[in-house]
Amino acid sequence: MCLLKCFFIVMVPCPVPGEKKMEGRSRIDRDSDNQQLMQLEEKDVVSSVATVLSDLCGPGEWMPMEKLHAELVEQYSSIWHHSRVRRYLTSEDWTGPEAKGKPWYGLLMLLRKYPEHFVINTRSKGRVTLEFVSLVSLLT
């Protein structure tokens, strides 16, 4: 009589050294890529705003944010990706009383990040606050 010995090999997944680092690294890469895309998007919007202001304003002139917003909607809302339109031409992404009734609020927040290019003038009368914007180059 022949006895047959059987061996079973059980395959258990073992972590490969550095695998977690790769997962973490790809997340970091994605975050970095997203950050770079946001910066490129911001630069494109800033460039568009500068173009509109330089086309419509003369030296020393200010444009109401409401008018700038209307011009950007007219010229770019059919060109820009819907997420960009939502972010900068609506107040959907912004909560709080300061954004209420101001679809240009996201655009205003973006322009405030670039004081080297834009000057924002705010005027208040009672409860009404109006924002005006100009290019630094038009005021100097």
N, C-alpha and C. Protein backbone atom coordinates (compact mmCIF):
# COMPACT_ATOMS: atom_id res chain seq x y z
N MET A 1 0.84 -1.15 0.00
CA MET A 1 0.00 0.00 0.00
C MET A 1 0.89 1.22 0.00
N CYS A 2 0.46 2.18 -0.81
CA CYS A 2 1.26 3.39 -0.98
C CYS A 2 0.57 4.54 -0.27
N LEU A 3 1.29 5.18 0.56
CA LEU A 3 0.74 6.35 1.25
C LEU A 3 1.18 7.60 0.48
N LEU A 4 0.23 8.39 0.19
CA LEU A 4 0.51 9.62 -0.55
C LEU A 4 0.46 10.78 0.43
N LYS A 5 1.52 11.50 0.45
CA LYS A 5 1.54 12.67 1.31
C LYS A 5 1.04 13.86 0.50
N CYS A 6 0.16 14.58 1.08
CA CYS A 6 -0.39 15.75 0.40
C CYS A 6 0.07 16.99 1.14
N PHE A 7 0.42 17.96 0.37
CA PHE A 7 0.79 19.26 0.92
C PHE A 7 -0.16 20.30 0.35
N PHE A 8 -0.62 21.11 1.22
CA PHE A 8 -1.48 22.20 0.79
C PHE A 8 -0.72 23.51 0.97
N ILE A 9 -0.75 24.26 -0.04
CA ILE A 9 -0.13 25.59 0.05
C ILE A 9 -1.26 26.60 0.14
N VAL A 10 -1.24 27.32 1.19
CA VAL A 10 -2.27 28.34 1.39
C VAL A 10 -1.65 29.68 1.02
N MET A 11 -2.31 30.38 0.09
CA MET A 11 -1.82 31.68 -0.35
C MET A 11 -2.49 32.75 0.51
N VAL A 12 -1.72 33.42 1.27
CA VAL A 12 -2.22 34.52 2.09
C VAL A 12 -1.56 35.79 1.58
N PRO A 13 -2.38 36.77 1.25
CA PRO A 13 -1.77 38.00 0.75
C PRO A 13 -0.94 38.66 1.85
N CYS A 14 0.27 38.94 1.51
CA CYS A 14 1.16 39.61 2.44
C CYS A 14 1.45 41.00 1.89
N PRO A 15 1.48 41.95 2.76
CA PRO A 15 1.79 43.29 2.27
C PRO A 15 3.20 43.35 1.70
N VAL A 16 3.28 43.96 0.58
CA VAL A 16 4.58 44.15 -0.05
C VAL A 16 5.22 45.36 0.62
N PRO A 17 6.48 45.22 0.99
CA PRO A 17 7.11 46.38 1.63
C PRO A 17 7.00 47.61 0.73
N GLY A 18 6.58 48.71 1.32
CA GLY A 18 6.44 49.95 0.56
C GLY A 18 5.10 50.13 -0.11
N GLU A 19 4.21 49.12 -0.03
CA GLU A 19 2.92 49.21 -0.72
C GLU A 19 2.06 50.32 -0.13
N LYS A 20 2.04 50.42 1.19
CA LYS A 20 1.27 51.49 1.82
C LYS A 20 1.84 52.84 1.42
N LYS A 21 3.13 52.90 1.32
CA LYS A 21 3.75 54.15 0.89
C LYS A 21 3.30 54.51 -0.51
N MET A 22 3.16 53.51 -1.37
CA MET A 22 2.72 53.77 -2.73
C MET A 22 1.29 54.29 -2.73
N GLU A 23 0.42 53.66 -1.90
CA GLU A 23 -0.96 54.14 -1.82
C GLU A 23 -0.98 55.57 -1.30
N GLY A 24 -0.23 55.82 -0.25
CA GLY A 24 -0.16 57.16 0.31
C GLY A 24 0.46 58.14 -0.67
N ARG A 25 1.45 57.68 -1.38
CA ARG A 25 2.12 58.55 -2.36
C ARG A 25 1.17 58.91 -3.49
N SER A 26 0.37 57.94 -3.95
CA SER A 26 -0.54 58.26 -5.04
C SER A 26 -1.61 59.24 -4.57
N ARG A 27 -2.02 59.14 -3.30
CA ARG A 27 -2.97 60.11 -2.75
C ARG A 27 -2.33 61.49 -2.70
N ILE A 28 -1.08 61.53 -2.27
CA ILE A 28 -0.35 62.79 -2.23
C ILE A 28 -0.21 63.36 -3.64
N ASP A 29 0.09 62.47 -4.59
CA ASP A 29 0.20 62.92 -5.98
C ASP A 29 -1.12 63.48 -6.48
N ARG A 30 -2.22 62.80 -6.16
CA ARG A 30 -3.54 63.30 -6.58
C ARG A 30 -3.84 64.65 -5.96
N ASP A 31 -3.53 64.78 -4.66
CA ASP A 31 -3.76 66.05 -3.98
C ASP A 31 -2.92 67.16 -4.62
N SER A 32 -1.69 66.82 -4.93
CA SER A 32 -0.80 67.79 -5.57
C SER A 32 -1.32 68.17 -6.96
N ASP A 33 -1.76 67.16 -7.71
CA ASP A 33 -2.32 67.43 -9.04
C ASP A 33 -3.56 68.31 -8.94
N ASN A 34 -4.43 68.01 -7.98
CA ASN A 34 -5.64 68.81 -7.79
C ASN A 34 -5.29 70.25 -7.43
N GLN A 35 -4.28 70.41 -6.57
CA GLN A 35 -3.85 71.75 -6.18
C GLN A 35 -3.31 72.51 -7.39
N GLN A 36 -2.53 71.84 -8.22
CA GLN A 36 -1.99 72.48 -9.42
C GLN A 36 -3.10 72.85 -10.39
N LEU A 37 -4.10 71.99 -10.54
CA LEU A 37 -5.24 72.30 -11.41
C LEU A 37 -6.01 73.51 -10.89
N MET A 38 -6.20 73.59 -9.58
CA MET A 38 -6.89 74.74 -8.99
C MET A 38 -6.11 76.03 -9.25
N GLN A 39 -4.79 75.97 -9.11
CA GLN A 39 -3.97 77.15 -9.36
C GLN A 39 -4.05 77.58 -10.82
N LEU A 40 -4.02 76.62 -11.73
CA LEU A 40 -4.15 76.95 -13.15
C LEU A 40 -5.52 77.54 -13.45
N GLU A 41 -6.55 76.97 -12.83
CA GLU A 41 -7.90 77.49 -13.01
C GLU A 41 -8.00 78.92 -12.49
N GLU A 42 -7.43 79.16 -11.31
CA GLU A 42 -7.45 80.51 -10.74
C GLU A 42 -6.74 81.49 -11.66
N LYS A 43 -5.58 81.09 -12.17
CA LYS A 43 -4.83 81.98 -13.07
C LYS A 43 -5.62 82.29 -14.33
N ASP A 44 -6.34 81.32 -14.84
CA ASP A 44 -7.15 81.54 -16.03
C ASP A 44 -8.29 82.51 -15.73
N VAL A 45 -8.93 82.36 -14.59
CA VAL A 45 -10.02 83.26 -14.20
C VAL A 45 -9.47 84.67 -13.98
N VAL A 46 -8.34 84.77 -13.28
CA VAL A 46 -7.71 86.07 -13.03
C VAL A 46 -7.35 86.75 -14.35
N SER A 47 -6.83 85.99 -15.29
CA SER A 47 -6.50 86.52 -16.61
C SER A 47 -7.75 87.02 -17.33
N SER A 48 -8.83 86.27 -17.24
CA SER A 48 -10.09 86.67 -17.87
C SER A 48 -10.62 87.96 -17.25
N VAL A 49 -10.54 88.07 -15.93
CA VAL A 49 -10.99 89.28 -15.24
C VAL A 49 -10.14 90.47 -15.67
N ALA A 50 -8.82 90.28 -15.73
CA ALA A 50 -7.93 91.36 -16.14
C ALA A 50 -8.25 91.82 -17.56
N THR A 51 -8.55 90.88 -18.44
CA THR A 51 -8.90 91.21 -19.82
C THR A 51 -10.17 92.05 -19.87
N VAL A 52 -11.19 91.62 -19.15
CA VAL A 52 -12.46 92.36 -19.13
C VAL A 52 -12.25 93.76 -18.57
N LEU A 53 -11.53 93.86 -17.46
CA LEU A 53 -11.30 95.18 -16.85
C LEU A 53 -10.51 96.10 -17.77
N SER A 54 -9.47 95.57 -18.39
CA SER A 54 -8.66 96.42 -19.26
C SER A 54 -9.42 96.83 -20.52
N ASP A 55 -10.33 95.97 -20.99
CA ASP A 55 -11.14 96.32 -22.16
C ASP A 55 -12.21 97.36 -21.85
N LEU A 56 -12.77 97.31 -20.64
CA LEU A 56 -13.93 98.15 -20.33
C LEU A 56 -13.64 99.35 -19.42
N CYS A 57 -12.48 99.38 -18.79
CA CYS A 57 -12.16 100.48 -17.88
C CYS A 57 -10.98 101.28 -18.41
N GLY A 58 -11.08 102.57 -18.24
CA GLY A 58 -9.95 103.43 -18.56
C GLY A 58 -9.13 103.68 -17.31
N PRO A 59 -8.04 104.44 -17.46
CA PRO A 59 -7.20 104.76 -16.29
C PRO A 59 -8.01 105.43 -15.18
N GLY A 60 -7.83 104.95 -13.98
CA GLY A 60 -8.49 105.52 -12.81
C GLY A 60 -9.94 105.12 -12.64
N GLU A 61 -10.45 104.26 -13.50
CA GLU A 61 -11.86 103.86 -13.43
C GLU A 61 -12.03 102.59 -12.61
N TRP A 62 -13.19 102.51 -11.97
CA TRP A 62 -13.57 101.35 -11.17
C TRP A 62 -14.78 100.70 -11.81
N MET A 63 -14.88 99.39 -11.69
CA MET A 63 -16.06 98.68 -12.19
C MET A 63 -16.78 98.04 -11.02
N PRO A 64 -18.10 98.24 -10.94
CA PRO A 64 -18.85 97.54 -9.88
C PRO A 64 -18.73 96.02 -10.07
N MET A 65 -18.60 95.30 -8.97
CA MET A 65 -18.50 93.84 -9.04
C MET A 65 -19.71 93.25 -9.76
N GLU A 66 -20.87 93.85 -9.56
CA GLU A 66 -22.08 93.36 -10.22
C GLU A 66 -21.93 93.42 -11.74
N LYS A 67 -21.36 94.52 -12.25
CA LYS A 67 -21.16 94.66 -13.70
C LYS A 67 -20.08 93.70 -14.19
N LEU A 68 -18.98 93.59 -13.44
CA LEU A 68 -17.91 92.66 -13.81
C LEU A 68 -18.47 91.25 -13.88
N HIS A 69 -19.25 90.88 -12.90
CA HIS A 69 -19.87 89.55 -12.87
C HIS A 69 -20.73 89.34 -14.11
N ALA A 70 -21.56 90.33 -14.46
CA ALA A 70 -22.43 90.21 -15.63
C ALA A 70 -21.61 90.04 -16.91
N GLU A 71 -20.51 90.76 -17.03
CA GLU A 71 -19.64 90.64 -18.21
C GLU A 71 -19.01 89.25 -18.29
N LEU A 72 -18.54 88.75 -17.16
CA LEU A 72 -17.92 87.42 -17.14
C LEU A 72 -18.94 86.34 -17.48
N VAL A 73 -20.15 86.47 -16.95
CA VAL A 73 -21.20 85.50 -17.27
C VAL A 73 -21.47 85.53 -18.77
N GLU A 74 -21.58 86.73 -19.33
CA GLU A 74 -21.87 86.85 -20.76
C GLU A 74 -20.75 86.27 -21.62
N GLN A 75 -19.51 86.57 -21.26
CA GLN A 75 -18.39 86.18 -22.11
C GLN A 75 -17.86 84.78 -21.86
N TYR A 76 -17.99 84.27 -20.62
CA TYR A 76 -17.29 83.02 -20.29
C TYR A 76 -18.17 81.88 -19.79
N SER A 77 -19.43 82.12 -19.44
CA SER A 77 -20.21 81.04 -18.83
C SER A 77 -20.44 79.87 -19.79
N SER A 78 -20.41 80.12 -21.09
CA SER A 78 -20.58 79.01 -22.04
C SER A 78 -19.24 78.37 -22.41
N ILE A 79 -18.14 78.99 -21.99
CA ILE A 79 -16.80 78.48 -22.32
C ILE A 79 -16.20 77.72 -21.14
N TRP A 80 -16.34 78.28 -19.95
CA TRP A 80 -15.76 77.67 -18.76
C TRP A 80 -16.51 76.40 -18.38
N HIS A 81 -15.79 75.49 -17.74
CA HIS A 81 -16.38 74.27 -17.20
C HIS A 81 -17.41 74.65 -16.14
N HIS A 82 -18.47 73.85 -16.01
CA HIS A 82 -19.55 74.20 -15.08
C HIS A 82 -19.07 74.34 -13.63
N SER A 83 -18.05 73.59 -13.24
CA SER A 83 -17.56 73.71 -11.86
C SER A 83 -16.89 75.07 -11.64
N ARG A 84 -16.23 75.57 -12.67
CA ARG A 84 -15.60 76.89 -12.58
C ARG A 84 -16.67 77.98 -12.53
N VAL A 85 -17.69 77.83 -13.36
CA VAL A 85 -18.80 78.80 -13.34
C VAL A 85 -19.44 78.80 -11.96
N ARG A 86 -19.70 77.61 -11.40
CA ARG A 86 -20.32 77.51 -10.08
C ARG A 86 -19.43 78.16 -9.01
N ARG A 87 -18.12 77.91 -9.10
CA ARG A 87 -17.20 78.39 -8.08
C ARG A 87 -17.04 79.91 -8.10
N TYR A 88 -16.98 80.50 -9.29
CA TYR A 88 -16.65 81.92 -9.38
C TYR A 88 -17.80 82.82 -9.84
N LEU A 89 -18.82 82.26 -10.42
CA LEU A 89 -19.91 83.10 -10.94
C LEU A 89 -21.25 82.84 -10.25
N THR A 90 -21.24 82.01 -9.22
CA THR A 90 -22.44 81.83 -8.39
C THR A 90 -21.98 81.85 -6.93
N SER A 91 -22.92 81.95 -6.03
CA SER A 91 -22.57 81.90 -4.61
C SER A 91 -22.91 80.54 -4.01
N GLU A 92 -23.12 79.53 -4.87
CA GLU A 92 -23.50 78.18 -4.41
C GLU A 92 -22.52 77.58 -3.42
N ASP A 93 -21.22 77.79 -3.66
CA ASP A 93 -20.20 77.19 -2.81
C ASP A 93 -19.93 77.99 -1.54
N TRP A 94 -20.63 79.10 -1.36
CA TRP A 94 -20.37 79.99 -0.24
C TRP A 94 -21.60 80.09 0.65
N THR A 95 -21.38 79.95 1.93
CA THR A 95 -22.47 80.11 2.89
C THR A 95 -22.18 81.35 3.73
N GLY A 96 -23.18 81.82 4.38
CA GLY A 96 -22.99 82.98 5.24
C GLY A 96 -23.72 84.19 4.69
N PRO A 97 -24.02 85.10 5.57
CA PRO A 97 -24.81 86.27 5.18
C PRO A 97 -24.09 87.18 4.18
N GLU A 98 -22.76 87.22 4.22
CA GLU A 98 -22.02 88.10 3.31
C GLU A 98 -22.15 87.68 1.85
N ALA A 99 -22.43 86.41 1.59
CA ALA A 99 -22.56 85.92 0.21
C ALA A 99 -23.99 86.01 -0.30
N LYS A 100 -24.92 86.22 0.59
CA LYS A 100 -26.34 86.23 0.21
C LYS A 100 -26.62 87.37 -0.78
N GLY A 101 -27.21 87.00 -1.90
CA GLY A 101 -27.57 87.99 -2.92
C GLY A 101 -26.40 88.48 -3.75
N LYS A 102 -25.25 87.84 -3.61
CA LYS A 102 -24.05 88.24 -4.35
C LYS A 102 -23.50 87.04 -5.11
N PRO A 103 -23.99 86.80 -6.32
CA PRO A 103 -23.48 85.66 -7.07
C PRO A 103 -22.00 85.79 -7.43
N TRP A 104 -21.45 86.97 -7.29
CA TRP A 104 -20.03 87.22 -7.58
C TRP A 104 -19.15 87.05 -6.34
N TYR A 105 -19.69 86.55 -5.25
CA TYR A 105 -18.94 86.46 -4.01
C TYR A 105 -17.67 85.60 -4.16
N GLY A 106 -17.77 84.47 -4.82
CA GLY A 106 -16.59 83.62 -5.04
C GLY A 106 -15.53 84.33 -5.86
N LEU A 107 -15.96 85.10 -6.84
CA LEU A 107 -15.05 85.90 -7.66
C LEU A 107 -14.36 86.96 -6.80
N LEU A 108 -15.12 87.61 -5.94
CA LEU A 108 -14.56 88.62 -5.04
C LEU A 108 -13.49 88.01 -4.14
N MET A 109 -13.77 86.82 -3.59
CA MET A 109 -12.79 86.15 -2.73
C MET A 109 -11.51 85.81 -3.51
N LEU A 110 -11.68 85.41 -4.76
CA LEU A 110 -10.51 85.11 -5.60
C LEU A 110 -9.69 86.37 -5.84
N LEU A 111 -10.33 87.46 -6.21
CA LEU A 111 -9.61 88.69 -6.52
C LEU A 111 -8.88 89.23 -5.30
N ARG A 112 -9.42 89.01 -4.12
CA ARG A 112 -8.75 89.46 -2.89
C ARG A 112 -7.45 88.70 -2.65
N LYS A 113 -7.30 87.54 -3.25
CA LYS A 113 -6.06 86.76 -3.12
C LYS A 113 -4.94 87.34 -3.97
N TYR A 114 -5.27 88.29 -4.86
CA TYR A 114 -4.28 88.83 -5.78
C TYR A 114 -4.21 90.36 -5.69
N PRO A 115 -3.81 90.89 -4.51
CA PRO A 115 -3.76 92.35 -4.36
C PRO A 115 -2.69 93.01 -5.24
N GLU A 116 -1.77 92.22 -5.76
CA GLU A 116 -0.77 92.78 -6.67
C GLU A 116 -1.37 93.10 -8.03
N HIS A 117 -2.55 92.56 -8.33
CA HIS A 117 -3.21 92.80 -9.62
C HIS A 117 -4.50 93.60 -9.52
N PHE A 118 -5.23 93.43 -8.41
CA PHE A 118 -6.56 94.03 -8.29
C PHE A 118 -6.68 94.86 -7.03
N VAL A 119 -7.40 95.97 -7.15
CA VAL A 119 -7.74 96.80 -6.00
C VAL A 119 -9.25 96.72 -5.84
N ILE A 120 -9.69 96.44 -4.63
CA ILE A 120 -11.12 96.33 -4.35
C ILE A 120 -11.50 97.45 -3.41
N ASN A 121 -12.53 98.17 -3.78
CA ASN A 121 -13.03 99.29 -3.00
C ASN A 121 -14.43 98.94 -2.54
N THR A 122 -14.66 99.02 -1.25
CA THR A 122 -15.97 98.68 -0.69
C THR A 122 -16.61 99.94 -0.12
N ARG A 123 -17.86 100.16 -0.50
CA ARG A 123 -18.61 101.31 0.01
C ARG A 123 -19.89 100.79 0.65
N SER A 124 -20.18 101.33 1.83
CA SER A 124 -21.39 100.92 2.54
C SER A 124 -22.27 102.12 2.83
N LYS A 125 -23.55 101.93 2.62
CA LYS A 125 -24.56 102.92 3.01
C LYS A 125 -25.65 102.14 3.73
N GLY A 126 -25.71 102.34 5.02
CA GLY A 126 -26.68 101.57 5.80
C GLY A 126 -26.36 100.09 5.73
N ARG A 127 -27.32 99.32 5.26
CA ARG A 127 -27.12 97.87 5.15
C ARG A 127 -26.65 97.44 3.77
N VAL A 128 -26.52 98.39 2.87
CA VAL A 128 -26.12 98.07 1.50
C VAL A 128 -24.61 98.25 1.35
N THR A 129 -23.94 97.20 0.90
CA THR A 129 -22.50 97.25 0.65
C THR A 129 -22.26 97.00 -0.83
N LEU A 130 -21.50 97.90 -1.43
CA LEU A 130 -21.16 97.77 -2.85
C LEU A 130 -19.66 97.58 -2.98
N GLU A 131 -19.25 96.68 -3.87
CA GLU A 131 -17.85 96.44 -4.12
C GLU A 131 -17.51 96.88 -5.53
N PHE A 132 -16.36 97.54 -5.66
CA PHE A 132 -15.85 97.98 -6.95
C PHE A 132 -14.45 97.41 -7.10
N VAL A 133 -14.05 97.16 -8.34
CA VAL A 133 -12.74 96.58 -8.59
C VAL A 133 -12.06 97.31 -9.74
N SER A 134 -10.74 97.37 -9.65
CA SER A 134 -9.95 97.93 -10.73
C SER A 134 -8.61 97.20 -10.78
N LEU A 135 -7.95 97.34 -11.91
CA LEU A 135 -6.61 96.79 -12.03
C LEU A 135 -5.62 97.75 -11.39
N VAL A 136 -4.63 97.24 -10.71
CA VAL A 136 -3.59 98.08 -10.12
C VAL A 136 -2.98 98.96 -11.21
N SER A 137 -2.74 98.39 -12.38
CA SER A 137 -2.10 99.14 -13.47
C SER A 137 -2.94 100.31 -13.97
N LEU A 138 -4.26 100.26 -13.77
CA LEU A 138 -5.12 101.37 -14.20
C LEU A 138 -5.15 102.50 -13.17
N LEU A 139 -4.70 102.22 -11.97
CA LEU A 139 -4.76 103.22 -10.90
C LEU A 139 -3.42 103.88 -10.63
N THR A 140 -2.34 103.34 -11.16
CA THR A 140 -1.02 103.92 -10.90
C THR A 140 -0.52 104.71 -12.07
